[in-house]
Protein backbone atom coordinates (compact mmCIF):
# COMPACT_ATOMS: atom_id res chain seq x y z
CA MET A 1 -5.26 -90.88 -136.01
CA ALA A 2 -2.36 -90.06 -136.96
CA THR A 3 -2.09 -87.28 -139.15
CA LYS A 4 1.20 -87.89 -141.84
CA ASP A 5 2.78 -84.61 -140.42
CA PHE A 6 3.27 -86.77 -137.24
CA LEU A 7 4.11 -89.88 -139.27
CA LYS A 8 6.74 -88.29 -140.83
CA ARG A 9 8.10 -86.33 -137.47
CA PHE A 10 7.66 -89.93 -135.63
CA LEU A 11 10.25 -91.36 -138.88
CA MET A 12 12.61 -88.58 -138.37
CA ILE A 13 13.16 -89.21 -134.81
CA GLY A 14 13.85 -92.55 -136.05
CA GLU A 15 16.90 -92.00 -138.58
CA LYS A 16 17.93 -88.73 -136.11
CA ASN A 17 18.59 -91.42 -133.50
CA VAL A 18 20.70 -93.90 -135.59
CA LEU A 19 22.52 -90.55 -137.21
CA SER A 20 23.63 -89.66 -133.29
CA ARG A 21 24.62 -93.43 -132.65
CA LEU A 22 26.92 -93.25 -135.19
CA THR A 23 29.50 -90.65 -133.32
CA ASN A 24 30.00 -94.49 -131.26
CA TYR A 25 31.91 -95.01 -134.14
CA VAL A 26 34.18 -91.77 -134.57
CA ASP A 27 34.73 -91.94 -130.79
CA LEU A 28 36.36 -95.71 -131.41
CA ALA A 29 38.00 -94.58 -134.44
CA GLN A 30 39.55 -91.98 -132.83
CA GLN A 31 41.30 -93.81 -130.37
CA SER A 32 42.66 -96.65 -132.74
CA LEU A 33 44.21 -93.38 -134.85
CA THR A 34 45.96 -92.26 -131.86
CA TYR A 35 47.11 -96.07 -131.60
CA LEU A 36 47.78 -95.82 -134.96
CA SER A 37 50.23 -91.88 -134.51
CA GLN A 38 51.57 -93.92 -131.59
CA MET A 39 52.43 -97.37 -134.17
CA LEU A 40 53.85 -94.48 -135.99
CA THR A 41 55.97 -92.07 -134.23
CA GLY A 42 57.72 -94.60 -131.53
CA GLY A 43 60.65 -96.31 -132.35
CA ASN A 44 60.50 -98.33 -128.93
CA ALA A 45 56.70 -98.61 -128.87
CA ASP A 46 54.76 -101.75 -128.01
CA TYR A 47 53.47 -102.96 -131.63
CA GLU A 48 52.19 -106.03 -130.64
CA GLY A 49 50.04 -104.18 -127.28
CA LEU A 50 49.06 -101.36 -129.44
CA ASN A 51 47.82 -103.34 -132.26
CA GLU A 52 45.79 -105.50 -129.68
CA LYS A 53 44.12 -102.59 -128.62
CA ILE A 54 43.45 -101.80 -132.36
CA MET A 55 42.09 -105.09 -132.67
CA ASP A 56 40.14 -104.78 -129.72
CA ILE A 57 38.43 -101.72 -130.85
CA GLU A 58 37.87 -102.85 -134.31
CA LYS A 59 36.07 -105.96 -132.68
CA GLU A 60 33.64 -103.25 -130.23
CA GLY A 61 32.87 -102.48 -133.79
CA ASP A 62 32.41 -105.39 -134.95
CA GLU A 63 29.26 -105.70 -132.15
CA TYR A 64 28.02 -102.51 -132.52
CA THR A 65 27.53 -102.87 -136.38
CA SER A 66 25.24 -106.24 -135.55
CA ASN A 67 23.41 -104.33 -133.09
CA ILE A 68 22.31 -100.94 -135.12
CA ASN A 69 21.77 -102.88 -138.42
CA HIS A 70 19.55 -104.90 -136.30
CA ASP A 71 17.86 -101.47 -134.25
CA ILE A 72 17.52 -99.79 -137.75
CA THR A 73 15.53 -102.98 -139.42
CA SER A 74 13.23 -103.60 -136.54
CA GLY A 75 12.47 -100.08 -135.75
CA ALA A 76 10.95 -96.95 -136.80
CA ILE A 77 13.25 -95.77 -139.85
CA SER A 78 11.81 -94.98 -143.43
CA SER A 79 11.85 -98.23 -145.79
CA ASN A 80 12.99 -96.42 -148.44
CA LEU A 81 15.93 -94.86 -146.47
CA MET A 82 17.18 -98.34 -144.19
CA ASP A 83 19.26 -99.58 -147.09
CA THR A 84 21.49 -96.45 -147.12
CA LEU A 85 21.48 -96.61 -142.90
CA ILE A 86 22.59 -99.74 -143.12
CA ILE A 87 25.62 -98.90 -146.00
CA LEU A 88 26.34 -95.93 -144.15
CA VAL A 89 27.23 -97.99 -140.76
CA ASP A 90 28.99 -100.51 -143.54
CA LYS A 91 31.36 -97.27 -143.82
CA CYS A 92 31.27 -95.87 -140.60
CA ASP A 93 32.59 -100.18 -139.56
CA ASP A 94 35.16 -99.45 -142.31
CA LEU A 95 36.72 -97.18 -140.83
CA LEU A 96 37.94 -99.33 -137.99
CA ASP A 97 38.33 -102.12 -140.55
CA ASP A 98 41.31 -100.27 -141.89
CA SER A 99 42.82 -99.39 -138.91
CA TYR A 100 43.20 -102.72 -138.02
CA PHE A 101 44.73 -103.39 -140.83
CA ILE A 102 47.07 -100.50 -140.62
CA SER A 103 47.54 -101.95 -137.39
CA ARG A 104 48.50 -105.33 -138.79
CA GLU A 105 50.71 -104.47 -141.31
CA ILE A 106 52.80 -102.50 -139.38
CA ARG A 107 53.35 -104.77 -136.52
CA ARG A 108 54.38 -106.94 -138.71
CA MET A 109 57.08 -104.66 -140.62
CA MET A 110 58.30 -104.00 -137.28
CA ARG A 111 59.03 -107.33 -136.37
CA ASN A 112 61.09 -108.13 -139.37
CA HIS A 113 62.34 -103.85 -139.18
CA SER A 114 65.81 -105.05 -138.37
CA LYS A 115 66.70 -107.58 -141.05
CA ASN A 116 65.95 -104.70 -143.63
CA ASP A 117 68.70 -102.70 -145.60
CA GLN A 118 69.79 -99.12 -144.63
CA ALA A 119 68.09 -97.50 -147.67
CA SER A 120 64.78 -99.38 -147.25
CA ALA A 121 65.01 -98.53 -143.25
CA ASP A 122 65.35 -95.34 -143.68
CA LEU A 123 62.47 -94.84 -146.59
CA LEU A 124 60.70 -96.49 -143.61
CA VAL A 125 61.53 -93.92 -141.65
CA ARG A 126 60.49 -91.33 -143.96
CA SER A 127 57.32 -92.92 -145.11
CA TYR A 128 55.62 -93.41 -141.53
CA SER A 129 56.11 -89.51 -140.87
CA SER A 130 54.29 -88.66 -143.81
CA LEU A 131 51.90 -91.20 -143.05
CA ASN A 132 51.42 -90.11 -139.37
CA ASP A 133 50.71 -86.40 -141.81
CA MET A 134 47.93 -88.63 -143.00
CA LEU A 135 46.53 -89.43 -139.86
CA SER A 136 46.19 -86.12 -137.97
CA TYR A 137 44.27 -84.62 -141.85
CA GLY A 138 42.28 -88.78 -140.41
CA MET A 139 41.55 -87.11 -137.48
CA ARG A 140 40.80 -83.50 -138.24
CA ALA A 141 37.78 -85.07 -140.36
CA LEU A 142 36.48 -87.23 -138.15
CA ARG A 143 35.64 -84.70 -135.44
CA LEU A 144 34.23 -82.49 -138.55
CA VAL A 145 31.95 -85.64 -139.66
CA LYS A 146 30.89 -86.41 -135.90
CA ASP A 147 30.12 -82.64 -136.12
CA LEU A 148 27.44 -83.21 -138.73
CA LEU A 149 26.46 -86.18 -136.93
CA ASN A 150 25.39 -84.56 -134.19
CA SER A 151 23.55 -81.72 -136.56
CA ALA A 152 19.89 -81.44 -138.19
CA ASP A 153 21.09 -77.67 -140.04
CA ILE A 154 21.74 -78.66 -143.06
CA THR A 155 23.93 -75.30 -143.93
CA VAL A 156 26.18 -76.92 -141.23
CA ILE A 157 26.24 -80.61 -142.79
CA LYS A 158 26.90 -79.13 -146.03
CA SER A 159 29.70 -76.53 -144.69
CA LYS A 160 31.44 -79.33 -142.89
CA ARG A 161 31.11 -81.65 -145.46
CA LYS A 162 32.90 -79.46 -147.65
CA GLU A 163 35.66 -78.81 -144.91
CA ILE A 164 36.30 -82.49 -145.08
CA GLU A 165 36.20 -82.62 -149.30
CA ASP A 166 39.52 -80.47 -148.74
CA LEU A 167 41.32 -82.22 -146.65
CA GLU A 168 40.68 -85.64 -148.68
CA GLU A 169 42.43 -82.89 -151.70
CA GLU A 170 45.01 -82.35 -149.47
CA VAL A 171 45.71 -86.00 -148.76
CA ASP A 172 45.82 -86.98 -151.98
CA GLU A 173 48.74 -84.67 -152.04
CA LEU A 174 50.37 -86.37 -149.52
CA LYS A 175 49.68 -89.65 -150.91
CA ASP A 176 51.06 -88.93 -154.53
CA ASN A 177 54.14 -87.36 -153.17
CA LEU A 178 54.89 -90.54 -151.18
CA ILE A 179 54.23 -92.67 -153.54
CA ASP A 180 56.43 -90.67 -155.90
CA GLU A 181 59.23 -91.12 -153.45
CA VAL A 182 59.01 -94.42 -153.36
CA TYR A 183 59.01 -95.86 -156.87
CA ARG A 184 61.93 -92.89 -157.06
CA ASP A 185 63.76 -95.75 -154.73
CA ALA A 186 62.18 -98.94 -155.77
CA ASP A 187 65.87 -99.60 -156.73
CA ILE A 188 67.33 -99.54 -153.70
CA ILE A 189 64.83 -100.64 -151.65
CA SER A 190 62.84 -104.10 -150.74
CA PHE A 191 60.34 -105.25 -152.69
CA LEU A 192 59.52 -105.93 -148.66
CA VAL A 193 58.92 -102.57 -147.76
CA PHE A 194 57.80 -100.96 -151.43
CA GLU A 195 54.60 -102.80 -151.18
CA HIS A 196 54.15 -102.39 -147.20
CA VAL A 197 54.54 -98.49 -147.73
CA ILE A 198 52.11 -98.21 -151.60
CA SER A 199 49.46 -100.36 -149.64
CA LEU A 200 49.53 -98.58 -146.22
CA VAL A 201 49.79 -95.58 -147.88
CA HIS A 202 46.04 -96.34 -150.03
CA LYS A 203 44.45 -97.35 -146.90
CA MET A 204 45.17 -94.64 -145.35
CA ASP A 205 44.07 -92.71 -148.35
CA ASP A 206 40.76 -94.51 -148.62
CA PHE A 207 40.29 -94.23 -144.44
CA LEU A 208 39.62 -90.09 -145.99
CA ASP A 209 37.71 -91.17 -148.67
CA TYR A 210 35.05 -92.70 -146.43
CA CYS A 211 35.33 -89.73 -144.33
CA GLU A 212 33.85 -88.21 -147.24
CA ASP A 213 31.60 -91.04 -147.94
CA ILE A 214 29.85 -90.35 -144.90
CA SER A 215 29.43 -87.36 -145.46
CA ASP A 216 27.93 -87.12 -148.40
CA ASP A 217 25.70 -89.88 -147.19
CA VAL A 218 24.53 -87.87 -143.98
CA LEU A 219 23.90 -84.87 -146.22
CA ASN A 220 21.19 -86.56 -148.90
CA ILE A 221 19.52 -88.31 -145.30
CA VAL A 222 18.92 -85.14 -143.59
CA MET A 223 18.05 -83.91 -146.89
CA ALA A 224 15.64 -87.55 -147.24
CA VAL A 225 13.48 -86.64 -143.97
CA THR A 226 13.85 -83.05 -143.79
CA LYS A 227 11.33 -82.23 -147.31
């Protein structure tokens, strides 16, 4: 007859396996951010091609989400953690959705870039540079997310979570500075560029928020299965 401790260890294997598999999202998100960086920094970048690559990654993520959610609901997962794991998977998928959203917006802007007045064009260049700085923080946060997903040590997970929180606060400051700059130039730039930059800066900030949320959920799950 199975003992209580045996059943607990069996359930822990299921949850730890799901957490380990979530690192695939991190790998995909890192690829997307690499392509986004090329879009933000390359004046002669292949915006259409890069957008298509990120779109393919997003589609791959959707398929993976469907598969892993099926495994969660039909596998050896504690019933009181099943909903939490599904929410966590959705947050990981959001990383890919946000990357695709940003790439589409950049592609659309670049299609009409030549129509911008000089003040709008100049602001766009400065904004893309700031957004790329924010993106670099996102890459660092993803590496930390991968570290904590691969760890079963609560002390390590808490440490990585704190580092992600610190990165998110730094990105908040970059976000506020960029928004302030856009509003200062609001009277001399086009409304299209104004809306474009404000939209992207919030999405880039959301990316870091998702990383922080993921780290919180992982910590809660690991604490629940190791009690």
